[in-house]
Amino acid sequence: MRSFGTGQTVVRRDVHRGGRVWSEHALRVVADTGETLVTACAPGAEARWPALYAKARADGDRSMRTEAFDAMASGAWELAPAVWQETELLLWKPPTAWFSVNAFYTAAGLRNWYVNFERPTRRTADGFDTFDLTVDLVVAPDLSSWQWKDEDEYAHVRRLGIVTDTEHQAVEAARAQVLAMLAERSGPFADVAAWSAWRWDPAWPAPRLPQPATAPERGAPPG
């Protein structure tokens, strides 16, 4: 398995079944130990999101997020260019884990932890592929409290068959694993002070996505 160098730009992609790209996000590598890949971004980082999902974020309309999941189930969606805004992000991902641990920062410091439940990663030439499985866990900066997020959307994608029974079992096991990490203060939760002190390296420009070699929409069915 090839390693990525510190500061290198990589692309995190959410890839649906059959190799269909659901989203892309440019990140920079903070550390790549083989056991864990730590990446980051800052406002200005380039992304591509499903057009309906991007509109839902812009308008604050959660009902449109449901439409985006319906489009995913139907196999018809378009990607729209987007730019990461407002927060700095630090992302911790062991390759075989069914989750990643994310930390979001504002000018005031660490805002919150955010555990994203997702498929294990597959390395690519440009970065890594996974797939967001919708449900999340939001954790206070000092780990004193936490709450589940998007359980309603998770139930919806389960009904649509986007998350299979096998994946659901993996998510349930991953939920227990993450709660144990919080209780034990293990993984990134073992050193809250160091994570709280992290900030984006101002010498790094905001990461950009590689330009596609050809015009076809990357979220469209293969021709």
C-alpha atoms as a PDB file:
ATOM      1  CA  MET A   1       0.000   0.000   0.000  1.00  0.00           C
ATOM      2  CA  ARG A   2       1.490   3.338  -1.023  1.00  0.00           C
ATOM      3  CA  SER A   3       1.826   6.051   1.596  1.00  0.00           C
ATOM      4  CA  PHE A   4       0.940   9.707   1.169  1.00  0.00           C
ATOM      5  CA  GLY A   5       3.372  12.453   2.177  1.00  0.00           C
ATOM      6  CA  THR A   6       2.620  15.151   4.711  1.00  0.00           C
ATOM      7  CA  GLY A   7       1.082  18.156   2.977  1.00  0.00           C
ATOM      8  CA  GLN A   8       0.133  16.149  -0.119  1.00  0.00           C
ATOM      9  CA  THR A   9      -3.300  16.815  -1.603  1.00  0.00           C
ATOM     10  CA  VAL A  10      -5.591  13.784  -1.628  1.00  0.00           C
ATOM     11  CA  VAL A  11      -9.214  13.322  -2.644  1.00  0.00           C
ATOM     12  CA  ARG A  12     -11.790  11.679  -0.409  1.00  0.00           C
ATOM     13  CA  ARG A  13     -14.577  10.256  -2.559  1.00  0.00           C
ATOM     14  CA  ASP A  14     -17.918   8.785  -1.566  1.00  0.00           C
ATOM     15  CA  VAL A  15     -18.465   6.012  -4.089  1.00  0.00           C
ATOM     16  CA  HIS A  16     -21.833   4.314  -4.436  1.00  0.00           C
ATOM     17  CA  ARG A  17     -22.245   0.775  -5.700  1.00  0.00           C
ATOM     18  CA  GLY A  18     -20.885   0.124  -9.161  1.00  0.00           C
ATOM     19  CA  GLY A  19     -18.231   2.811  -8.843  1.00  0.00           C
ATOM     20  CA  ARG A  20     -20.579   5.793  -9.076  1.00  0.00           C
ATOM     21  CA  VAL A  21     -19.086   8.913  -7.472  1.00  0.00           C
ATOM     22  CA  TRP A  22     -21.475  10.587  -5.011  1.00  0.00           C
ATOM     23  CA  SER A  23     -19.091  13.282  -3.748  1.00  0.00           C
ATOM     24  CA  GLU A  24     -15.468  14.411  -3.815  1.00  0.00           C
ATOM     25  CA  HIS A  25     -13.547  16.486  -1.281  1.00  0.00           C
ATOM     26  CA  ALA A  26      -9.958  17.746  -1.542  1.00  0.00           C
ATOM     27  CA  LEU A  27      -7.857  17.338   1.633  1.00  0.00           C
ATOM     28  CA  ARG A  28      -4.228  17.622   2.696  1.00  0.00           C
ATOM     29  CA  VAL A  29      -2.372  14.833   4.471  1.00  0.00           C
ATOM     30  CA  VAL A  30      -1.331  15.511   8.070  1.00  0.00           C
ATOM     31  CA  ALA A  31      -0.024  11.997   8.785  1.00  0.00           C
ATOM     32  CA  ASP A  32      -0.134   8.586   7.115  1.00  0.00           C
ATOM     33  CA  THR A  33       1.058   5.792   9.375  1.00  0.00           C
ATOM     34  CA  GLY A  34      -0.489   2.882   7.484  1.00  0.00           C
ATOM     35  CA  GLU A  35      -2.649   2.189  10.535  1.00  0.00           C
ATOM     36  CA  THR A  36      -4.355   5.588  10.334  1.00  0.00           C
ATOM     37  CA  LEU A  37      -4.640   8.318   7.724  1.00  0.00           C
ATOM     38  CA  VAL A  38      -5.088  11.833   9.128  1.00  0.00           C
ATOM     39  CA  THR A  39      -6.136  14.533   6.666  1.00  0.00           C
ATOM     40  CA  ALA A  40      -7.355  18.118   6.924  1.00  0.00           C
ATOM     41  CA  CYS A  41      -8.851  21.030   5.056  1.00  0.00           C
ATOM     42  CA  ALA A  42      -9.652  24.687   5.576  1.00  0.00           C
ATOM     43  CA  PRO A  43     -12.160  27.128   4.080  1.00  0.00           C
ATOM     44  CA  GLY A  44     -11.630  27.332   0.336  1.00  0.00           C
ATOM     45  CA  ALA A  45     -11.012  23.615  -0.172  1.00  0.00           C
ATOM     46  CA  GLU A  46     -12.664  22.363  -3.338  1.00  0.00           C
ATOM     47  CA  ALA A  47     -15.415  19.752  -3.379  1.00  0.00           C
ATOM     48  CA  ARG A  48     -18.091  18.311  -5.640  1.00  0.00           C
ATOM     49  CA  TRP A  49     -21.441  17.381  -4.101  1.00  0.00           C
ATOM     50  CA  PRO A  50     -24.717  16.100  -5.517  1.00  0.00           C
ATOM     51  CA  ALA A  51     -26.560  19.153  -6.834  1.00  0.00           C
ATOM     52  CA  LEU A  52     -29.655  18.517  -4.700  1.00  0.00           C
ATOM     53  CA  TYR A  53     -27.548  18.057  -1.584  1.00  0.00           C
ATOM     54  CA  ALA A  54     -25.591  21.254  -2.285  1.00  0.00           C
ATOM     55  CA  LYS A  55     -28.855  23.166  -2.728  1.00  0.00           C
ATOM     56  CA  ALA A  56     -30.202  21.734   0.531  1.00  0.00           C
ATOM     57  CA  ARG A  57     -27.115  23.030   2.356  1.00  0.00           C
ATOM     58  CA  ALA A  58     -27.361  26.440   0.722  1.00  0.00           C
ATOM     59  CA  ASP A  59     -31.091  26.813   1.414  1.00  0.00           C
ATOM     60  CA  GLY A  60     -31.147  25.101   4.812  1.00  0.00           C
ATOM     61  CA  ASP A  61     -33.898  22.816   3.473  1.00  0.00           C
ATOM     62  CA  ARG A  62     -33.543  19.322   4.939  1.00  0.00           C
ATOM     63  CA  SER A  63     -36.435  18.009   2.844  1.00  0.00           C
ATOM     64  CA  MET A  64     -34.250  18.442  -0.231  1.00  0.00           C
ATOM     65  CA  ARG A  65     -31.672  16.146   1.371  1.00  0.00           C
ATOM     66  CA  THR A  66     -34.351  13.449   1.298  1.00  0.00           C
ATOM     67  CA  GLU A  67     -34.800  14.139  -2.428  1.00  0.00           C
ATOM     68  CA  ALA A  68     -31.045  13.703  -2.857  1.00  0.00           C
ATOM     69  CA  PHE A  69     -31.192  10.256  -1.259  1.00  0.00           C
ATOM     70  CA  ASP A  70     -34.149   9.366  -3.491  1.00  0.00           C
ATOM     71  CA  ALA A  71     -32.029  10.383  -6.488  1.00  0.00           C
ATOM     72  CA  MET A  72     -29.220   8.172  -5.227  1.00  0.00           C
ATOM     73  CA  ALA A  73     -31.578   5.203  -4.997  1.00  0.00           C
ATOM     74  CA  SER A  74     -32.833   5.862  -8.531  1.00  0.00           C
ATOM     75  CA  GLY A  75     -29.279   6.092  -9.881  1.00  0.00           C
ATOM     76  CA  ALA A  76     -29.679   9.564 -11.396  1.00  0.00           C
ATOM     77  CA  TRP A  77     -27.825  12.535  -9.942  1.00  0.00           C
ATOM     78  CA  GLU A  78     -25.527  15.356 -11.007  1.00  0.00           C
ATOM     79  CA  LEU A  79     -22.479  16.694  -9.223  1.00  0.00           C
ATOM     80  CA  ALA A  80     -22.054  20.409  -8.575  1.00  0.00           C
ATOM     81  CA  PRO A  81     -18.843  22.261  -7.650  1.00  0.00           C
ATOM     82  CA  ALA A  82     -18.672  23.374  -4.036  1.00  0.00           C
ATOM     83  CA  VAL A  83     -16.247  25.084  -1.662  1.00  0.00           C
ATOM     84  CA  TRP A  84     -15.660  24.119   1.977  1.00  0.00           C
ATOM     85  CA  GLN A  85     -16.606  27.034   4.214  1.00  0.00           C
ATOM     86  CA  GLU A  86     -16.487  28.312   7.810  1.00  0.00           C
ATOM     87  CA  THR A  87     -14.513  25.597   9.611  1.00  0.00           C
ATOM     88  CA  GLU A  88     -11.158  23.872   9.574  1.00  0.00           C
ATOM     89  CA  LEU A  89     -11.416  20.082   9.548  1.00  0.00           C
ATOM     90  CA  LEU A  90      -9.134  17.357  10.902  1.00  0.00           C
ATOM     91  CA  LEU A  91     -10.121  13.814   9.867  1.00  0.00           C
ATOM     92  CA  TRP A  92      -8.836  10.558  11.457  1.00  0.00           C
ATOM     93  CA  LYS A  93      -9.566   7.352   9.530  1.00  0.00           C
ATOM     94  CA  PRO A  94      -8.208   3.830  10.104  1.00  0.00           C
ATOM     95  CA  PRO A  95      -8.572   2.010   6.764  1.00  0.00           C
ATOM     96  CA  THR A  96     -10.669  -0.901   8.030  1.00  0.00           C
ATOM     97  CA  ALA A  97     -12.948   1.110  10.346  1.00  0.00           C
ATOM     98  CA  TRP A  98     -16.619   1.685   9.565  1.00  0.00           C
ATOM     99  CA  PHE A  99     -16.291   5.258  10.795  1.00  0.00           C
ATOM    100  CA  SER A 100     -14.018   8.297  10.774  1.00  0.00           C
ATOM    101  CA  VAL A 101     -13.464  10.760  13.614  1.00  0.00           C
ATOM    102  CA  ASN A 102     -13.624  14.384  12.519  1.00  0.00           C
ATOM    103  CA  ALA A 103     -12.807  17.517  14.497  1.00  0.00           C
ATOM    104  CA  PHE A 104     -14.198  20.913  13.446  1.00  0.00           C
ATOM    105  CA  TYR A 105     -12.474  24.178  14.372  1.00  0.00           C
ATOM    106  CA  THR A 106     -13.487  27.837  14.321  1.00  0.00           C
ATOM    107  CA  ALA A 107     -11.443  30.900  15.265  1.00  0.00           C
ATOM    108  CA  ALA A 108     -12.354  30.121  18.888  1.00  0.00           C
ATOM    109  CA  GLY A 109     -10.794  26.635  18.691  1.00  0.00           C
ATOM    110  CA  LEU A 110     -12.211  23.113  18.633  1.00  0.00           C
ATOM    111  CA  ARG A 111     -15.973  23.417  18.078  1.00  0.00           C
ATOM    112  CA  ASN A 112     -16.934  19.743  18.258  1.00  0.00           C
ATOM    113  CA  TRP A 113     -16.022  16.197  17.325  1.00  0.00           C
ATOM    114  CA  TYR A 114     -18.090  14.486  14.652  1.00  0.00           C
ATOM    115  CA  VAL A 115     -18.027  10.739  14.082  1.00  0.00           C
ATOM    116  CA  ASN A 116     -19.052   9.891  10.541  1.00  0.00           C
ATOM    117  CA  PHE A 117     -20.165   6.295   9.984  1.00  0.00           C
ATOM    118  CA  GLU A 118     -18.940   5.128   6.593  1.00  0.00           C
ATOM    119  CA  ARG A 119     -17.482   2.201   4.712  1.00  0.00           C
ATOM    120  CA  PRO A 120     -13.830   1.178   5.135  1.00  0.00           C
ATOM    121  CA  THR A 121     -11.484   2.952   2.765  1.00  0.00           C
ATOM    122  CA  ARG A 122      -9.921   1.835  -0.481  1.00  0.00           C
ATOM    123  CA  ARG A 123      -6.739   3.641  -1.499  1.00  0.00           C
ATOM    124  CA  THR A 124      -6.645   5.215  -4.957  1.00  0.00           C
ATOM    125  CA  ALA A 125      -3.941   7.014  -6.914  1.00  0.00           C
ATOM    126  CA  ASP A 126      -5.448  10.352  -5.856  1.00  0.00           C
ATOM    127  CA  GLY A 127      -6.532   9.524  -2.297  1.00  0.00           C
ATOM    128  CA  PHE A 128      -9.150   7.177  -0.901  1.00  0.00           C
ATOM    129  CA  ASP A 129     -12.713   6.025  -1.493  1.00  0.00           C
ATOM    130  CA  THR A 130     -15.384   5.370   1.133  1.00  0.00           C
ATOM    131  CA  PHE A 131     -19.151   5.891   1.362  1.00  0.00           C
ATOM    132  CA  ASP A 132     -21.061   7.922   3.938  1.00  0.00           C
ATOM    133  CA  LEU A 133     -23.702   5.781   5.649  1.00  0.00           C
ATOM    134  CA  THR A 134     -25.668   8.838   6.848  1.00  0.00           C
ATOM    135  CA  VAL A 135     -25.874   8.426  10.632  1.00  0.00           C
ATOM    136  CA  ASP A 136     -23.422  10.475  12.740  1.00  0.00           C
ATOM    137  CA  LEU A 137     -22.404  11.109  16.344  1.00  0.00           C
ATOM    138  CA  VAL A 138     -21.740  14.693  17.523  1.00  0.00           C
ATOM    139  CA  VAL A 139     -19.468  14.954  20.563  1.00  0.00           C
ATOM    140  CA  ALA A 140     -18.686  17.966  22.776  1.00  0.00           C
ATOM    141  CA  PRO A 141     -15.104  19.313  22.592  1.00  0.00           C
ATOM    142  CA  ASP A 142     -14.310  18.071  26.094  1.00  0.00           C
ATOM    143  CA  LEU A 143     -16.053  14.705  25.478  1.00  0.00           C
ATOM    144  CA  SER A 144     -18.530  15.466  28.265  1.00  0.00           C
ATOM    145  CA  SER A 145     -21.631  14.774  26.138  1.00  0.00           C
ATOM    146  CA  TRP A 146     -22.686  13.373  22.785  1.00  0.00           C
ATOM    147  CA  GLN A 147     -25.799  12.931  20.652  1.00  0.00           C
ATOM    148  CA  TRP A 148     -26.789  10.934  17.585  1.00  0.00           C
ATOM    149  CA  LYS A 149     -27.534  12.872  14.400  1.00  0.00           C
ATOM    150  CA  ASP A 150     -29.552  12.097  11.237  1.00  0.00           C
ATOM    151  CA  GLU A 151     -31.235   8.964  12.584  1.00  0.00           C
ATOM    152  CA  ASP A 152     -34.285   9.873  10.467  1.00  0.00           C
ATOM    153  CA  GLU A 153     -32.217  10.002   7.293  1.00  0.00           C
ATOM    154  CA  TYR A 154     -30.528   6.749   8.227  1.00  0.00           C
ATOM    155  CA  ALA A 155     -33.940   5.076   8.528  1.00  0.00           C
ATOM    156  CA  HIS A 156     -34.858   6.519   5.114  1.00  0.00           C
ATOM    157  CA  VAL A 157     -31.746   5.208   3.336  1.00  0.00           C
ATOM    158  CA  ARG A 158     -32.317   1.840   5.018  1.00  0.00           C
ATOM    159  CA  ARG A 159     -35.838   1.750   3.526  1.00  0.00           C
ATOM    160  CA  LEU A 160     -34.422   2.686   0.121  1.00  0.00           C
ATOM    161  CA  GLY A 161     -31.876  -0.123   0.281  1.00  0.00           C
ATOM    162  CA  ILE A 162     -28.932   2.291   0.063  1.00  0.00           C
ATOM    163  CA  VAL A 163     -27.626   0.835   3.333  1.00  0.00           C
ATOM    164  CA  THR A 164     -27.860  -2.950   3.183  1.00  0.00           C
ATOM    165  CA  ASP A 165     -28.586  -5.283   6.104  1.00  0.00           C
ATOM    166  CA  THR A 166     -24.919  -6.281   6.164  1.00  0.00           C
ATOM    167  CA  GLU A 167     -23.831  -2.643   6.277  1.00  0.00           C
ATOM    168  CA  HIS A 168     -26.382  -1.934   8.984  1.00  0.00           C
ATOM    169  CA  GLN A 169     -24.867  -4.685  11.132  1.00  0.00           C
ATOM    170  CA  ALA A 170     -21.418  -3.161  10.569  1.00  0.00           C
ATOM    171  CA  VAL A 171     -22.729   0.277  11.577  1.00  0.00           C
ATOM    172  CA  GLU A 172     -24.280  -1.123  14.757  1.00  0.00           C
ATOM    173  CA  ALA A 173     -20.942  -2.717  15.683  1.00  0.00           C
ATOM    174  CA  ALA A 174     -19.122   0.529  14.839  1.00  0.00           C
ATOM    175  CA  ARG A 175     -21.487   2.523  17.067  1.00  0.00           C
ATOM    176  CA  ALA A 176     -20.561   0.305  20.004  1.00  0.00           C
ATOM    177  CA  GLN A 177     -16.874   0.585  19.115  1.00  0.00           C
ATOM    178  CA  VAL A 178     -16.980   4.390  19.063  1.00  0.00           C
ATOM    179  CA  LEU A 179     -18.867   4.623  22.364  1.00  0.00           C
ATOM    180  CA  ALA A 180     -16.241   2.333  23.897  1.00  0.00           C
ATOM    181  CA  MET A 181     -13.473   4.606  22.536  1.00  0.00           C
ATOM    182  CA  LEU A 182     -15.178   7.579  24.171  1.00  0.00           C
ATOM    183  CA  ALA A 183     -15.531   5.763  27.485  1.00  0.00           C
ATOM    184  CA  GLU A 184     -11.928   4.534  27.389  1.00  0.00           C
ATOM    185  CA  ARG A 185     -10.517   7.791  25.956  1.00  0.00           C
ATOM    186  CA  SER A 186      -8.762   5.807  23.233  1.00  0.00           C
ATOM    187  CA  GLY A 187      -7.894   6.588  19.607  1.00  0.00           C
ATOM    188  CA  PRO A 188      -7.946  10.344  18.956  1.00  0.00           C
ATOM    189  CA  PHE A 189      -9.934  10.792  22.183  1.00  0.00           C
ATOM    190  CA  ALA A 190      -6.817   9.750  24.144  1.00  0.00           C
ATOM    191  CA  ASP A 191      -5.197  13.179  23.724  1.00  0.00           C
ATOM    192  CA  VAL A 192      -7.901  15.816  23.632  1.00  0.00           C
ATOM    193  CA  ALA A 193      -5.395  18.575  24.472  1.00  0.00           C
ATOM    194  CA  ALA A 194      -3.251  17.882  21.401  1.00  0.00           C
ATOM    195  CA  TRP A 195      -6.278  17.718  19.107  1.00  0.00           C
ATOM    196  CA  SER A 196      -7.716  20.883  20.640  1.00  0.00           C
ATOM    197  CA  ALA A 197      -4.438  22.710  19.958  1.00  0.00           C
ATOM    198  CA  TRP A 198      -4.261  21.702  16.285  1.00  0.00           C
ATOM    199  CA  ARG A 199      -4.801  24.356  13.629  1.00  0.00           C
ATOM    200  CA  TRP A 200      -4.475  24.402   9.857  1.00  0.00           C
ATOM    201  CA  ASP A 201      -0.941  25.175   8.662  1.00  0.00           C
ATOM    202  CA  PRO A 202      -1.213  28.652   7.078  1.00  0.00           C
ATOM    203  CA  ALA A 203       1.631  27.733   4.704  1.00  0.00           C
ATOM    204  CA  TRP A 204      -0.684  25.230   3.027  1.00  0.00           C
ATOM    205  CA  PRO A 205      -2.993  26.635   0.350  1.00  0.00           C
ATOM    206  CA  ALA A 206      -6.557  25.308   0.433  1.00  0.00           C
ATOM    207  CA  PRO A 207      -6.498  21.971  -1.423  1.00  0.00           C
ATOM    208  CA  ARG A 208      -7.958  21.759  -4.915  1.00  0.00           C
ATOM    209  CA  LEU A 209      -9.468  18.846  -6.793  1.00  0.00           C
ATOM    210  CA  PRO A 210      -7.583  17.484  -9.792  1.00  0.00           C
ATOM    211  CA  GLN A 211      -9.088  18.628 -13.049  1.00  0.00           C
ATOM    212  CA  PRO A 212     -10.901  15.859 -14.938  1.00  0.00           C
ATOM    213  CA  ALA A 213      -9.204  14.842 -18.155  1.00  0.00           C
ATOM    214  CA  THR A 214     -12.493  14.712 -20.049  1.00  0.00           C
ATOM    215  CA  ALA A 215     -15.872  16.358 -19.853  1.00  0.00           C
ATOM    216  CA  PRO A 216     -18.232  13.509 -18.751  1.00  0.00           C
ATOM    217  CA  GLU A 217     -20.007  14.161 -15.454  1.00  0.00           C
ATOM    218  CA  ARG A 218     -18.412  11.954 -12.832  1.00  0.00           C
ATOM    219  CA  GLY A 219     -21.723  11.244 -11.142  1.00  0.00           C
ATOM    220  CA  ALA A 220     -23.382  10.058 -14.358  1.00  0.00           C
ATOM    221  CA  PRO A 221     -23.734   6.402 -15.292  1.00  0.00           C
ATOM    222  CA  PRO A 222     -20.839   4.986 -17.288  1.00  0.00           C
ATOM    223  CA  GLY A 223     -21.497   5.324 -20.954  1.00  0.00           C
END
